[in-house]
Amino acid sequence: MLRGALLAALLITPELAQVVIAGAFGYVSEFVLELLPGSNSGLLAEAIEWFSGVGQGVQAIGLAQLQLGSGGVLLVGGILISFLRYGTVSIGSGILATMRAPKKANYE
């Protein structure tokens, strides 16, 4: 459901989708890390700076590029999930099998 909402937002209001993506992958993580003690120095400060850069980078992407890139990722993800969910014989062994052959009807 979330993928469909994101795809609809990318088509209808790409500006809003861009803000949501930047917030989800950059600014929210930055905010949460800033709440932790010791966030002013060390590895935590570097992580905060990196997430801030991610948010700024997403907002710097052009809207057409964002629509194409995000739409492509959602499309490929949907195809991959449908193949993994419905088109494999077994996942239990850790090896993905090929698509199942349809059973032939026996009308004799």
C-alpha atoms as a PDB file:
ATOM      1  CA  MET A   1       0.000   0.000   0.000  1.00  0.00           C
ATOM      2  CA  LEU A   2       2.838   2.372   0.819  1.00  0.00           C
ATOM      3  CA  ARG A   3       4.467   1.736  -2.556  1.00  0.00           C
ATOM      4  CA  GLY A   4       1.224   2.626  -4.323  1.00  0.00           C
ATOM      5  CA  ALA A   5       0.845   5.810  -2.298  1.00  0.00           C
ATOM      6  CA  LEU A   6       4.423   6.811  -3.086  1.00  0.00           C
ATOM      7  CA  LEU A   7       3.925   6.107  -6.781  1.00  0.00           C
ATOM      8  CA  ALA A   8       0.713   8.165  -6.796  1.00  0.00           C
ATOM      9  CA  ALA A   9       2.491  11.009  -5.007  1.00  0.00           C
ATOM     10  CA  LEU A  10       5.321  10.884  -7.554  1.00  0.00           C
ATOM     11  CA  LEU A  11       2.806  11.259 -10.379  1.00  0.00           C
ATOM     12  CA  ILE A  12       0.433  13.789  -8.815  1.00  0.00           C
ATOM     13  CA  THR A  13       2.599  15.927  -6.525  1.00  0.00           C
ATOM     14  CA  PRO A  14       6.284  15.198  -7.129  1.00  0.00           C
ATOM     15  CA  GLU A  15       7.332  18.092  -4.874  1.00  0.00           C
ATOM     16  CA  LEU A  16       5.561  16.510  -1.899  1.00  0.00           C
ATOM     17  CA  ALA A  17       7.026  13.103  -2.720  1.00  0.00           C
ATOM     18  CA  GLN A  18      10.490  14.639  -2.831  1.00  0.00           C
ATOM     19  CA  VAL A  19      10.052  16.168   0.621  1.00  0.00           C
ATOM     20  CA  VAL A  20       8.730  12.869   2.020  1.00  0.00           C
ATOM     21  CA  ILE A  21      11.618  10.867   0.543  1.00  0.00           C
ATOM     22  CA  ALA A  22      14.193  13.391   1.784  1.00  0.00           C
ATOM     23  CA  GLY A  23      12.615  13.344   5.230  1.00  0.00           C
ATOM     24  CA  ALA A  24      12.333   9.568   5.448  1.00  0.00           C
ATOM     25  CA  PHE A  25      15.882   8.818   4.299  1.00  0.00           C
ATOM     26  CA  GLY A  26      17.717  11.850   5.618  1.00  0.00           C
ATOM     27  CA  TYR A  27      16.192  14.302   8.021  1.00  0.00           C
ATOM     28  CA  VAL A  28      14.262  11.915  10.293  1.00  0.00           C
ATOM     29  CA  SER A  29      17.351   9.774  10.865  1.00  0.00           C
ATOM     30  CA  GLU A  30      19.388  12.907  11.486  1.00  0.00           C
ATOM     31  CA  PHE A  31      16.835  14.145  14.036  1.00  0.00           C
ATOM     32  CA  VAL A  32      16.703  10.823  15.886  1.00  0.00           C
ATOM     33  CA  LEU A  33      20.494  10.595  16.076  1.00  0.00           C
ATOM     34  CA  GLU A  34      20.723  14.152  17.405  1.00  0.00           C
ATOM     35  CA  LEU A  35      18.549  13.095  20.359  1.00  0.00           C
ATOM     36  CA  LEU A  36      21.148  10.561  21.500  1.00  0.00           C
ATOM     37  CA  PRO A  37      23.702  11.643  24.089  1.00  0.00           C
ATOM     38  CA  GLY A  38      27.180  12.268  22.706  1.00  0.00           C
ATOM     39  CA  SER A  39      25.930  13.261  19.277  1.00  0.00           C
ATOM     40  CA  ASN A  40      28.202  16.318  19.124  1.00  0.00           C
ATOM     41  CA  SER A  41      31.394  14.410  18.392  1.00  0.00           C
ATOM     42  CA  GLY A  42      32.794  11.180  17.042  1.00  0.00           C
ATOM     43  CA  LEU A  43      31.152   8.613  14.865  1.00  0.00           C
ATOM     44  CA  LEU A  44      27.644   9.746  15.771  1.00  0.00           C
ATOM     45  CA  ALA A  45      28.363  13.287  14.547  1.00  0.00           C
ATOM     46  CA  GLU A  46      29.640  11.867  11.241  1.00  0.00           C
ATOM     47  CA  ALA A  47      26.480   9.774  10.854  1.00  0.00           C
ATOM     48  CA  ILE A  48      24.327  12.840  11.526  1.00  0.00           C
ATOM     49  CA  GLU A  49      26.236  14.806   8.893  1.00  0.00           C
ATOM     50  CA  TRP A  50      25.886  11.939   6.399  1.00  0.00           C
ATOM     51  CA  PHE A  51      22.091  11.678   6.871  1.00  0.00           C
ATOM     52  CA  SER A  52      21.822  15.451   6.502  1.00  0.00           C
ATOM     53  CA  GLY A  53      23.716  15.152   3.221  1.00  0.00           C
ATOM     54  CA  VAL A  54      21.352  12.421   2.058  1.00  0.00           C
ATOM     55  CA  GLY A  55      18.337  14.642   2.729  1.00  0.00           C
ATOM     56  CA  GLN A  56      19.932  17.592   0.952  1.00  0.00           C
ATOM     57  CA  GLY A  57      20.979  15.369  -1.939  1.00  0.00           C
ATOM     58  CA  VAL A  58      17.448  14.074  -2.443  1.00  0.00           C
ATOM     59  CA  GLN A  59      16.106  17.610  -2.471  1.00  0.00           C
ATOM     60  CA  ALA A  60      18.749  18.646  -5.022  1.00  0.00           C
ATOM     61  CA  ILE A  61      17.550  16.043  -7.542  1.00  0.00           C
ATOM     62  CA  GLY A  62      15.401  17.422 -10.358  1.00  0.00           C
ATOM     63  CA  LEU A  63      11.729  16.456 -10.246  1.00  0.00           C
ATOM     64  CA  ALA A  64      11.807  14.644 -13.599  1.00  0.00           C
ATOM     65  CA  GLN A  65      14.841  12.615 -12.530  1.00  0.00           C
ATOM     66  CA  LEU A  66      13.170  11.840  -9.205  1.00  0.00           C
ATOM     67  CA  GLN A  67      10.005  10.640 -10.940  1.00  0.00           C
ATOM     68  CA  LEU A  68      11.922   8.419 -13.358  1.00  0.00           C
ATOM     69  CA  GLY A  69      14.350   7.027 -10.802  1.00  0.00           C
ATOM     70  CA  SER A  70      11.873   6.379  -8.007  1.00  0.00           C
ATOM     71  CA  GLY A  71       9.221   5.073 -10.379  1.00  0.00           C
ATOM     72  CA  GLY A  72      11.768   2.698 -11.885  1.00  0.00           C
ATOM     73  CA  VAL A  73      12.842   1.450  -8.463  1.00  0.00           C
ATOM     74  CA  LEU A  74       9.212   0.864  -7.463  1.00  0.00           C
ATOM     75  CA  LEU A  75       8.472  -0.919 -10.745  1.00  0.00           C
ATOM     76  CA  VAL A  76      11.514  -3.206 -10.552  1.00  0.00           C
ATOM     77  CA  GLY A  77      10.784  -3.887  -6.881  1.00  0.00           C
ATOM     78  CA  GLY A  78       7.198  -4.833  -7.683  1.00  0.00           C
ATOM     79  CA  ILE A  79       8.269  -7.197 -10.455  1.00  0.00           C
ATOM     80  CA  LEU A  80      10.920  -8.761  -8.232  1.00  0.00           C
ATOM     81  CA  ILE A  81       8.507  -9.258  -5.335  1.00  0.00           C
ATOM     82  CA  SER A  82       5.835 -10.762  -7.577  1.00  0.00           C
ATOM     83  CA  PHE A  83       8.396 -13.147  -9.088  1.00  0.00           C
ATOM     84  CA  LEU A  84       9.707 -14.156  -5.683  1.00  0.00           C
ATOM     85  CA  ARG A  85       6.236 -14.482  -4.201  1.00  0.00           C
ATOM     86  CA  TYR A  86       4.395 -16.287  -6.977  1.00  0.00           C
ATOM     87  CA  GLY A  87       6.889 -17.522  -9.548  1.00  0.00           C
ATOM     88  CA  THR A  88       9.218 -19.822  -7.662  1.00  0.00           C
ATOM     89  CA  VAL A  89       9.043 -23.470  -6.788  1.00  0.00           C
ATOM     90  CA  SER A  90      10.856 -23.331  -3.467  1.00  0.00           C
ATOM     91  CA  ILE A  91      12.642 -20.751  -1.379  1.00  0.00           C
ATOM     92  CA  GLY A  92      13.224 -23.043   1.591  1.00  0.00           C
ATOM     93  CA  SER A  93      16.534 -24.405   0.313  1.00  0.00           C
ATOM     94  CA  GLY A  94      17.877 -20.900  -0.237  1.00  0.00           C
ATOM     95  CA  ILE A  95      18.104 -21.332  -3.999  1.00  0.00           C
ATOM     96  CA  LEU A  96      15.466 -19.706  -6.151  1.00  0.00           C
ATOM     97  CA  ALA A  97      13.996 -22.058  -8.707  1.00  0.00           C
ATOM     98  CA  THR A  98      12.684 -21.077 -12.101  1.00  0.00           C
ATOM     99  CA  MET A  99       9.102 -20.276 -12.968  1.00  0.00           C
ATOM    100  CA  ARG A 100       6.675 -23.148 -12.573  1.00  0.00           C
ATOM    101  CA  ALA A 101       5.420 -24.736 -15.753  1.00  0.00           C
ATOM    102  CA  PRO A 102       1.630 -24.644 -15.980  1.00  0.00           C
ATOM    103  CA  LYS A 103      -0.074 -27.991 -15.561  1.00  0.00           C
ATOM    104  CA  LYS A 104      -1.736 -29.346 -18.647  1.00  0.00           C
ATOM    105  CA  ALA A 105      -5.360 -30.207 -18.330  1.00  0.00           C
ATOM    106  CA  ASN A 106      -6.222 -33.861 -18.872  1.00  0.00           C
ATOM    107  CA  TYR A 107      -9.648 -34.029 -20.505  1.00  0.00           C
ATOM    108  CA  GLU A 108      -9.549 -37.722 -21.392  1.00  0.00           C
END
